[in-house]
Amino acid sequence: MSDLYDSDILTWSERQAELLRRIAAGEPPNEMPDWANIIEELADVGRNSLRACRSLLVQAVAHEMKARAWPTSEYVARWRHDAENFKLDAREVYTKSMRQHLDLDSIYRRALRELPPEADHRQPLPAPTECPFSLDELLGEE
């Protein structure tokens, strides 16, 4: 079964799901589930959701910081709009258990690395040394 897992994860996952459904319905299995890979996939679900939330927050902060770094740019409204959309998307995948794994300082540092060296042929205004947003502000949990 691991060969299928390595070569065609879609077919593997469909077969494993069907096998687990049959077992849950009380049917005797004709094969054993691929427990090792099922366990890893389940663990990955949470990690992937956390990674997605973190990535969306990085993008939200980066776009907010662009708007602050170049406040007279013609793109400010677009950057702020994009930031709001990234925050909405982050809220959709966020769960309270993620809070302890979301390091705002790390998110902010990564967001600052996303900023271009210049926009509209101008250097950015200096960015604050600490993130100007709280996690509650970014996630709408005020």
N, C-alpha and C. Protein backbone atom coordinates (compact mmCIF):
# COMPACT_ATOMS: atom_id res chain seq x y z
N MET A 1 0.83 -1.20 0.00
CA MET A 1 0.00 0.00 0.00
C MET A 1 0.87 1.25 0.00
N SER A 2 2.06 1.19 0.60
CA SER A 2 2.93 2.35 0.62
C SER A 2 3.40 2.75 -0.77
N ASP A 3 3.52 1.76 -1.68
CA ASP A 3 3.90 2.09 -3.05
C ASP A 3 2.85 3.01 -3.67
N LEU A 4 1.57 2.70 -3.43
CA LEU A 4 0.50 3.54 -3.95
C LEU A 4 0.53 4.91 -3.29
N TYR A 5 0.82 4.94 -2.01
CA TYR A 5 0.92 6.21 -1.28
C TYR A 5 1.99 7.09 -1.93
N ASP A 6 3.12 6.49 -2.28
CA ASP A 6 4.22 7.24 -2.88
C ASP A 6 3.96 7.63 -4.33
N SER A 7 3.20 6.81 -5.05
CA SER A 7 3.03 7.06 -6.48
C SER A 7 1.73 7.77 -6.86
N ASP A 8 0.67 7.59 -6.05
CA ASP A 8 -0.62 8.19 -6.41
C ASP A 8 -1.42 8.45 -5.13
N ILE A 9 -1.13 9.55 -4.47
CA ILE A 9 -1.74 9.84 -3.17
C ILE A 9 -3.26 10.00 -3.27
N LEU A 10 -3.76 10.46 -4.39
CA LEU A 10 -5.20 10.61 -4.54
C LEU A 10 -5.89 9.24 -4.49
N THR A 11 -5.42 8.31 -5.30
CA THR A 11 -6.01 6.97 -5.29
C THR A 11 -5.82 6.32 -3.92
N TRP A 12 -4.62 6.47 -3.34
CA TRP A 12 -4.36 5.93 -1.99
C TRP A 12 -5.38 6.47 -0.99
N SER A 13 -5.58 7.80 -1.00
CA SER A 13 -6.48 8.40 -0.01
C SER A 13 -7.93 7.94 -0.24
N GLU A 14 -8.35 7.82 -1.48
CA GLU A 14 -9.70 7.35 -1.77
C GLU A 14 -9.88 5.91 -1.27
N ARG A 15 -8.89 5.06 -1.51
CA ARG A 15 -8.98 3.67 -1.06
C ARG A 15 -8.97 3.57 0.47
N GLN A 16 -8.12 4.36 1.10
CA GLN A 16 -8.06 4.34 2.56
C GLN A 16 -9.37 4.84 3.16
N ALA A 17 -9.92 5.89 2.59
CA ALA A 17 -11.19 6.43 3.10
C ALA A 17 -12.29 5.39 2.97
N GLU A 18 -12.36 4.72 1.83
CA GLU A 18 -13.39 3.69 1.63
C GLU A 18 -13.19 2.53 2.59
N LEU A 19 -11.96 2.11 2.78
CA LEU A 19 -11.66 1.04 3.72
C LEU A 19 -12.07 1.43 5.13
N LEU A 20 -11.76 2.63 5.55
CA LEU A 20 -12.15 3.09 6.90
C LEU A 20 -13.66 3.21 7.04
N ARG A 21 -14.35 3.63 5.98
CA ARG A 21 -15.82 3.69 6.02
C ARG A 21 -16.40 2.30 6.23
N ARG A 22 -15.86 1.32 5.51
CA ARG A 22 -16.36 -0.05 5.65
C ARG A 22 -16.11 -0.58 7.06
N ILE A 23 -14.94 -0.32 7.58
CA ILE A 23 -14.63 -0.76 8.95
C ILE A 23 -15.56 -0.07 9.94
N ALA A 24 -15.79 1.24 9.77
CA ALA A 24 -16.68 1.98 10.66
C ALA A 24 -18.11 1.46 10.58
N ALA A 25 -18.51 0.93 9.42
CA ALA A 25 -19.86 0.38 9.26
C ALA A 25 -19.96 -1.04 9.79
N GLY A 26 -18.86 -1.59 10.30
CA GLY A 26 -18.88 -2.92 10.88
C GLY A 26 -18.55 -4.04 9.92
N GLU A 27 -18.17 -3.69 8.70
CA GLU A 27 -17.80 -4.74 7.74
C GLU A 27 -16.38 -5.22 8.06
N PRO A 28 -16.15 -6.50 7.98
CA PRO A 28 -14.78 -6.97 8.22
C PRO A 28 -13.88 -6.52 7.06
N PRO A 29 -12.71 -6.01 7.40
CA PRO A 29 -11.83 -5.52 6.33
C PRO A 29 -11.19 -6.67 5.56
N ASN A 30 -11.04 -6.48 4.26
CA ASN A 30 -10.34 -7.47 3.45
C ASN A 30 -8.85 -7.14 3.38
N GLU A 31 -8.49 -5.99 3.89
CA GLU A 31 -7.09 -5.58 4.00
C GLU A 31 -6.98 -4.61 5.17
N MET A 32 -5.80 -4.47 5.69
CA MET A 32 -5.58 -3.56 6.81
C MET A 32 -5.33 -2.15 6.27
N PRO A 33 -5.83 -1.17 6.97
CA PRO A 33 -5.52 0.21 6.57
C PRO A 33 -4.02 0.47 6.65
N ASP A 34 -3.56 1.41 5.90
CA ASP A 34 -2.15 1.83 5.89
C ASP A 34 -1.96 2.81 7.05
N TRP A 35 -1.96 2.24 8.27
CA TRP A 35 -1.99 3.07 9.48
C TRP A 35 -0.86 4.07 9.55
N ALA A 36 0.35 3.67 9.22
CA ALA A 36 1.50 4.57 9.35
C ALA A 36 1.29 5.84 8.53
N ASN A 37 0.86 5.68 7.29
CA ASN A 37 0.66 6.85 6.44
C ASN A 37 -0.62 7.60 6.79
N ILE A 38 -1.65 6.90 7.23
CA ILE A 38 -2.87 7.58 7.68
C ILE A 38 -2.56 8.48 8.86
N ILE A 39 -1.78 7.98 9.80
CA ILE A 39 -1.40 8.78 10.97
C ILE A 39 -0.62 10.01 10.55
N GLU A 40 0.33 9.84 9.65
CA GLU A 40 1.12 11.00 9.18
C GLU A 40 0.24 12.02 8.46
N GLU A 41 -0.68 11.52 7.64
CA GLU A 41 -1.57 12.44 6.92
C GLU A 41 -2.46 13.21 7.89
N LEU A 42 -2.95 12.55 8.92
CA LEU A 42 -3.77 13.24 9.91
C LEU A 42 -2.96 14.31 10.63
N ALA A 43 -1.74 14.00 10.99
CA ALA A 43 -0.88 14.99 11.64
C ALA A 43 -0.61 16.16 10.71
N ASP A 44 -0.46 15.87 9.42
CA ASP A 44 -0.20 16.93 8.44
C ASP A 44 -1.38 17.88 8.27
N VAL A 45 -2.59 17.39 8.47
CA VAL A 45 -3.77 18.24 8.32
C VAL A 45 -3.65 19.47 9.22
N GLY A 46 -3.34 19.24 10.48
CA GLY A 46 -3.20 20.36 11.41
C GLY A 46 -2.02 21.24 11.07
N ARG A 47 -0.89 20.64 10.74
CA ARG A 47 0.30 21.44 10.39
C ARG A 47 0.05 22.27 9.14
N ASN A 48 -0.64 21.70 8.16
CA ASN A 48 -0.92 22.45 6.94
C ASN A 48 -1.87 23.61 7.20
N SER A 49 -2.85 23.41 8.05
CA SER A 49 -3.77 24.50 8.40
C SER A 49 -3.02 25.61 9.12
N LEU A 50 -2.15 25.25 10.05
CA LEU A 50 -1.34 26.24 10.76
C LEU A 50 -0.44 26.99 9.78
N ARG A 51 0.20 26.26 8.89
CA ARG A 51 1.09 26.87 7.89
C ARG A 51 0.30 27.83 6.99
N ALA A 52 -0.90 27.43 6.60
CA ALA A 52 -1.74 28.29 5.75
C ALA A 52 -2.12 29.56 6.49
N CYS A 53 -2.52 29.43 7.75
CA CYS A 53 -2.90 30.59 8.54
C CYS A 53 -1.72 31.54 8.68
N ARG A 54 -0.56 30.99 9.01
CA ARG A 54 0.64 31.81 9.18
C ARG A 54 0.99 32.53 7.87
N SER A 55 0.94 31.82 6.76
CA SER A 55 1.26 32.41 5.46
C SER A 55 0.29 33.54 5.11
N LEU A 56 -0.98 33.33 5.37
CA LEU A 56 -1.98 34.37 5.09
C LEU A 56 -1.76 35.59 5.97
N LEU A 57 -1.37 35.39 7.22
CA LEU A 57 -1.09 36.52 8.11
C LEU A 57 0.16 37.27 7.65
N VAL A 58 1.16 36.55 7.19
CA VAL A 58 2.35 37.20 6.64
C VAL A 58 1.95 38.10 5.47
N GLN A 59 1.12 37.58 4.59
CA GLN A 59 0.70 38.38 3.43
C GLN A 59 -0.14 39.59 3.85
N ALA A 60 -1.01 39.39 4.84
CA ALA A 60 -1.83 40.50 5.33
C ALA A 60 -0.95 41.61 5.89
N VAL A 61 0.01 41.23 6.72
CA VAL A 61 0.90 42.22 7.33
C VAL A 61 1.77 42.87 6.25
N ALA A 62 2.27 42.09 5.32
CA ALA A 62 3.11 42.65 4.24
C ALA A 62 2.35 43.71 3.45
N HIS A 63 1.10 43.43 3.12
CA HIS A 63 0.33 44.39 2.35
C HIS A 63 -0.01 45.63 3.18
N GLU A 64 -0.30 45.45 4.45
CA GLU A 64 -0.52 46.61 5.33
C GLU A 64 0.74 47.46 5.42
N MET A 65 1.89 46.79 5.52
CA MET A 65 3.15 47.52 5.65
C MET A 65 3.52 48.22 4.35
N LYS A 66 3.17 47.67 3.21
CA LYS A 66 3.38 48.38 1.94
C LYS A 66 2.60 49.69 1.94
N ALA A 67 1.36 49.60 2.38
CA ALA A 67 0.53 50.81 2.41
C ALA A 67 1.11 51.86 3.35
N ARG A 68 1.71 51.42 4.44
CA ARG A 68 2.33 52.36 5.38
C ARG A 68 3.67 52.87 4.87
N ALA A 69 4.41 52.03 4.15
CA ALA A 69 5.74 52.40 3.66
C ALA A 69 5.67 53.38 2.51
N TRP A 70 4.60 53.30 1.72
CA TRP A 70 4.43 54.19 0.58
C TRP A 70 3.00 54.77 0.63
N PRO A 71 2.74 55.64 1.59
CA PRO A 71 1.36 56.11 1.81
C PRO A 71 0.78 56.95 0.67
N THR A 72 1.62 57.46 -0.21
CA THR A 72 1.10 58.27 -1.32
C THR A 72 1.02 57.48 -2.63
N SER A 73 1.32 56.21 -2.57
CA SER A 73 1.29 55.39 -3.78
C SER A 73 -0.14 55.25 -4.28
N GLU A 74 -0.28 55.13 -5.57
CA GLU A 74 -1.60 54.89 -6.17
C GLU A 74 -2.12 53.49 -5.82
N TYR A 75 -1.26 52.62 -5.27
CA TYR A 75 -1.64 51.25 -4.97
C TYR A 75 -2.10 51.04 -3.52
N VAL A 76 -2.10 52.09 -2.71
CA VAL A 76 -2.45 51.96 -1.29
C VAL A 76 -3.82 51.30 -1.10
N ALA A 77 -4.81 51.77 -1.82
CA ALA A 77 -6.15 51.19 -1.66
C ALA A 77 -6.14 49.71 -2.01
N ARG A 78 -5.45 49.34 -3.05
CA ARG A 78 -5.36 47.93 -3.46
C ARG A 78 -4.65 47.10 -2.40
N TRP A 79 -3.52 47.62 -1.87
CA TRP A 79 -2.78 46.89 -0.84
C TRP A 79 -3.65 46.67 0.39
N ARG A 80 -4.38 47.68 0.78
CA ARG A 80 -5.24 47.55 1.97
C ARG A 80 -6.38 46.56 1.70
N HIS A 81 -6.92 46.62 0.51
CA HIS A 81 -7.98 45.67 0.13
C HIS A 81 -7.43 44.23 0.17
N ASP A 82 -6.26 44.05 -0.41
CA ASP A 82 -5.63 42.72 -0.40
C ASP A 82 -5.35 42.26 1.03
N ALA A 83 -4.88 43.18 1.88
CA ALA A 83 -4.60 42.84 3.28
C ALA A 83 -5.88 42.35 3.97
N GLU A 84 -6.98 43.03 3.73
CA GLU A 84 -8.25 42.61 4.34
C GLU A 84 -8.68 41.24 3.85
N ASN A 85 -8.47 40.98 2.57
CA ASN A 85 -8.81 39.65 2.04
C ASN A 85 -7.93 38.56 2.64
N PHE A 86 -6.64 38.85 2.81
CA PHE A 86 -5.76 37.87 3.45
C PHE A 86 -6.19 37.63 4.89
N LYS A 87 -6.60 38.67 5.61
CA LYS A 87 -7.06 38.51 6.99
C LYS A 87 -8.33 37.66 7.03
N LEU A 88 -9.25 37.93 6.11
CA LEU A 88 -10.48 37.12 6.06
C LEU A 88 -10.16 35.65 5.81
N ASP A 89 -9.25 35.40 4.89
CA ASP A 89 -8.87 34.02 4.59
C ASP A 89 -8.19 33.37 5.79
N ALA A 90 -7.36 34.13 6.50
CA ALA A 90 -6.69 33.59 7.69
C ALA A 90 -7.73 33.24 8.75
N ARG A 91 -8.74 34.09 8.91
CA ARG A 91 -9.78 33.82 9.91
C ARG A 91 -10.54 32.54 9.60
N GLU A 92 -10.67 32.21 8.33
CA GLU A 92 -11.39 31.00 7.95
C GLU A 92 -10.65 29.73 8.35
N VAL A 93 -9.32 29.76 8.33
CA VAL A 93 -8.56 28.55 8.69
C VAL A 93 -8.11 28.56 10.14
N TYR A 94 -8.18 29.71 10.80
CA TYR A 94 -7.71 29.85 12.17
C TYR A 94 -8.60 29.10 13.16
N THR A 95 -7.96 28.45 14.13
CA THR A 95 -8.65 27.88 15.28
C THR A 95 -7.90 28.36 16.52
N LYS A 96 -8.60 28.44 17.63
CA LYS A 96 -8.00 28.96 18.86
C LYS A 96 -6.74 28.20 19.29
N SER A 97 -6.68 26.93 18.99
CA SER A 97 -5.48 26.16 19.37
C SER A 97 -4.23 26.58 18.60
N MET A 98 -4.41 27.32 17.50
CA MET A 98 -3.26 27.79 16.73
C MET A 98 -2.55 28.96 17.40
N ARG A 99 -3.27 29.69 18.24
CA ARG A 99 -2.72 30.91 18.83
C ARG A 99 -1.34 30.70 19.43
N GLN A 100 -1.16 29.62 20.17
CA GLN A 100 0.12 29.38 20.83
C GLN A 100 1.24 29.07 19.85
N HIS A 101 0.90 28.77 18.61
CA HIS A 101 1.90 28.45 17.59
C HIS A 101 2.14 29.61 16.61
N LEU A 102 1.42 30.70 16.76
CA LEU A 102 1.57 31.85 15.86
C LEU A 102 2.45 32.89 16.54
N ASP A 103 3.69 32.98 16.10
CA ASP A 103 4.66 33.91 16.65
C ASP A 103 4.58 35.22 15.85
N LEU A 104 3.98 36.24 16.44
CA LEU A 104 3.76 37.50 15.74
C LEU A 104 5.07 38.15 15.32
N ASP A 105 6.11 38.06 16.13
CA ASP A 105 7.41 38.63 15.75
C ASP A 105 7.95 37.98 14.49
N SER A 106 7.83 36.66 14.41
CA SER A 106 8.29 35.93 13.24
C SER A 106 7.45 36.29 12.01
N ILE A 107 6.15 36.38 12.20
CA ILE A 107 5.25 36.77 11.10
C ILE A 107 5.62 38.15 10.59
N TYR A 108 5.89 39.07 11.50
CA TYR A 108 6.24 40.44 11.12
C TYR A 108 7.57 40.48 10.37
N ARG A 109 8.58 39.78 10.88
CA ARG A 109 9.88 39.75 10.19
C ARG A 109 9.76 39.19 8.78
N ARG A 110 8.98 38.12 8.65
CA ARG A 110 8.77 37.54 7.31
C ARG A 110 8.03 38.52 6.41
N ALA A 111 7.05 39.23 6.95
CA ALA A 111 6.29 40.20 6.16
C ALA A 111 7.20 41.32 5.67
N LEU A 112 8.09 41.78 6.52
CA LEU A 112 9.00 42.85 6.11
C LEU A 112 9.93 42.40 4.99
N ARG A 113 10.28 41.13 5.00
CA ARG A 113 11.13 40.61 3.90
C ARG A 113 10.37 40.59 2.58
N GLU A 114 9.05 40.61 2.64
CA GLU A 114 8.22 40.62 1.43
C GLU A 114 8.19 42.01 0.75
N LEU A 115 8.56 43.04 1.51
CA LEU A 115 8.47 44.39 0.96
C LEU A 115 9.52 44.60 -0.12
N PRO A 116 9.13 45.24 -1.20
CA PRO A 116 10.13 45.54 -2.24
C PRO A 116 11.07 46.65 -1.75
N PRO A 117 12.24 46.75 -2.34
CA PRO A 117 13.18 47.80 -1.91
C PRO A 117 12.70 49.21 -2.27
N GLU A 118 11.83 49.27 -3.27
CA GLU A 118 11.26 50.58 -3.63
C GLU A 118 9.93 50.36 -4.36
N ALA A 119 9.11 51.39 -4.34
CA ALA A 119 7.84 51.39 -5.07
C ALA A 119 7.64 52.80 -5.60
N ASP A 120 7.09 52.91 -6.76
CA ASP A 120 6.89 54.22 -7.39
C ASP A 120 8.20 55.01 -7.43
N HIS A 121 9.31 54.29 -7.62
CA HIS A 121 10.64 54.90 -7.68
C HIS A 121 11.02 55.62 -6.40
N ARG A 122 10.44 55.18 -5.28
CA ARG A 122 10.76 55.79 -3.98
C ARG A 122 11.13 54.71 -2.99
N GLN A 123 11.98 55.09 -2.04
CA GLN A 123 12.33 54.23 -0.92
C GLN A 123 11.16 54.18 0.04
N PRO A 124 11.03 53.10 0.80
CA PRO A 124 9.93 53.03 1.78
C PRO A 124 10.20 53.91 2.99
N LEU A 125 9.13 54.34 3.64
CA LEU A 125 9.28 54.98 4.94
C LEU A 125 9.78 53.90 5.91
N PRO A 126 10.47 54.30 6.97
CA PRO A 126 10.98 53.29 7.92
C PRO A 126 9.83 52.50 8.56
N ALA A 127 10.06 51.23 8.72
CA ALA A 127 9.08 50.35 9.37
C ALA A 127 9.36 50.32 10.87
N PRO A 128 8.31 50.19 11.68
CA PRO A 128 8.54 50.05 13.13
C PRO A 128 9.36 48.79 13.41
N THR A 129 10.09 48.82 14.51
CA THR A 129 10.90 47.64 14.86
C THR A 129 10.04 46.51 15.36
N GLU A 130 8.88 46.82 15.92
CA GLU A 130 7.95 45.79 16.39
C GLU A 130 6.67 45.85 15.57
N CYS A 131 6.01 44.73 15.50
CA CYS A 131 4.78 44.65 14.71
C CYS A 131 3.74 45.63 15.24
N PRO A 132 3.20 46.48 14.39
CA PRO A 132 2.20 47.45 14.83
C PRO A 132 0.80 46.87 14.99
N PHE A 133 0.65 45.58 14.76
CA PHE A 133 -0.65 44.93 14.87
C PHE A 133 -0.60 43.84 15.92
N SER A 134 -1.71 43.64 16.58
CA SER A 134 -1.81 42.50 17.50
C SER A 134 -2.41 41.33 16.73
N LEU A 135 -2.22 40.15 17.26
CA LEU A 135 -2.83 38.99 16.64
C LEU A 135 -4.35 39.10 16.66
N ASP A 136 -4.87 39.70 17.73
CA ASP A 136 -6.31 39.90 17.79
C ASP A 136 -6.81 40.82 16.69
N GLU A 137 -6.03 41.86 16.38
CA GLU A 137 -6.43 42.77 15.29
C GLU A 137 -6.40 42.04 13.96
N LEU A 138 -5.37 41.25 13.74
CA LEU A 138 -5.24 40.54 12.47
C LEU A 138 -6.32 39.48 12.29
N LEU A 139 -6.69 38.86 13.38
CA LEU A 139 -7.66 37.77 13.30
C LEU A 139 -9.09 38.20 13.63
N GLY A 140 -9.27 39.49 13.94
CA GLY A 140 -10.59 39.97 14.21
C GLY A 140 -11.15 39.45 15.51
N GLU A 141 -10.31 39.26 16.52
CA GLU A 141 -10.78 38.70 17.79
C GLU A 141 -10.79 39.74 18.90
N GLU A 142 -10.94 40.99 18.55
CA GLU A 142 -10.95 42.04 19.57
C GLU A 142 -12.23 41.99 20.38
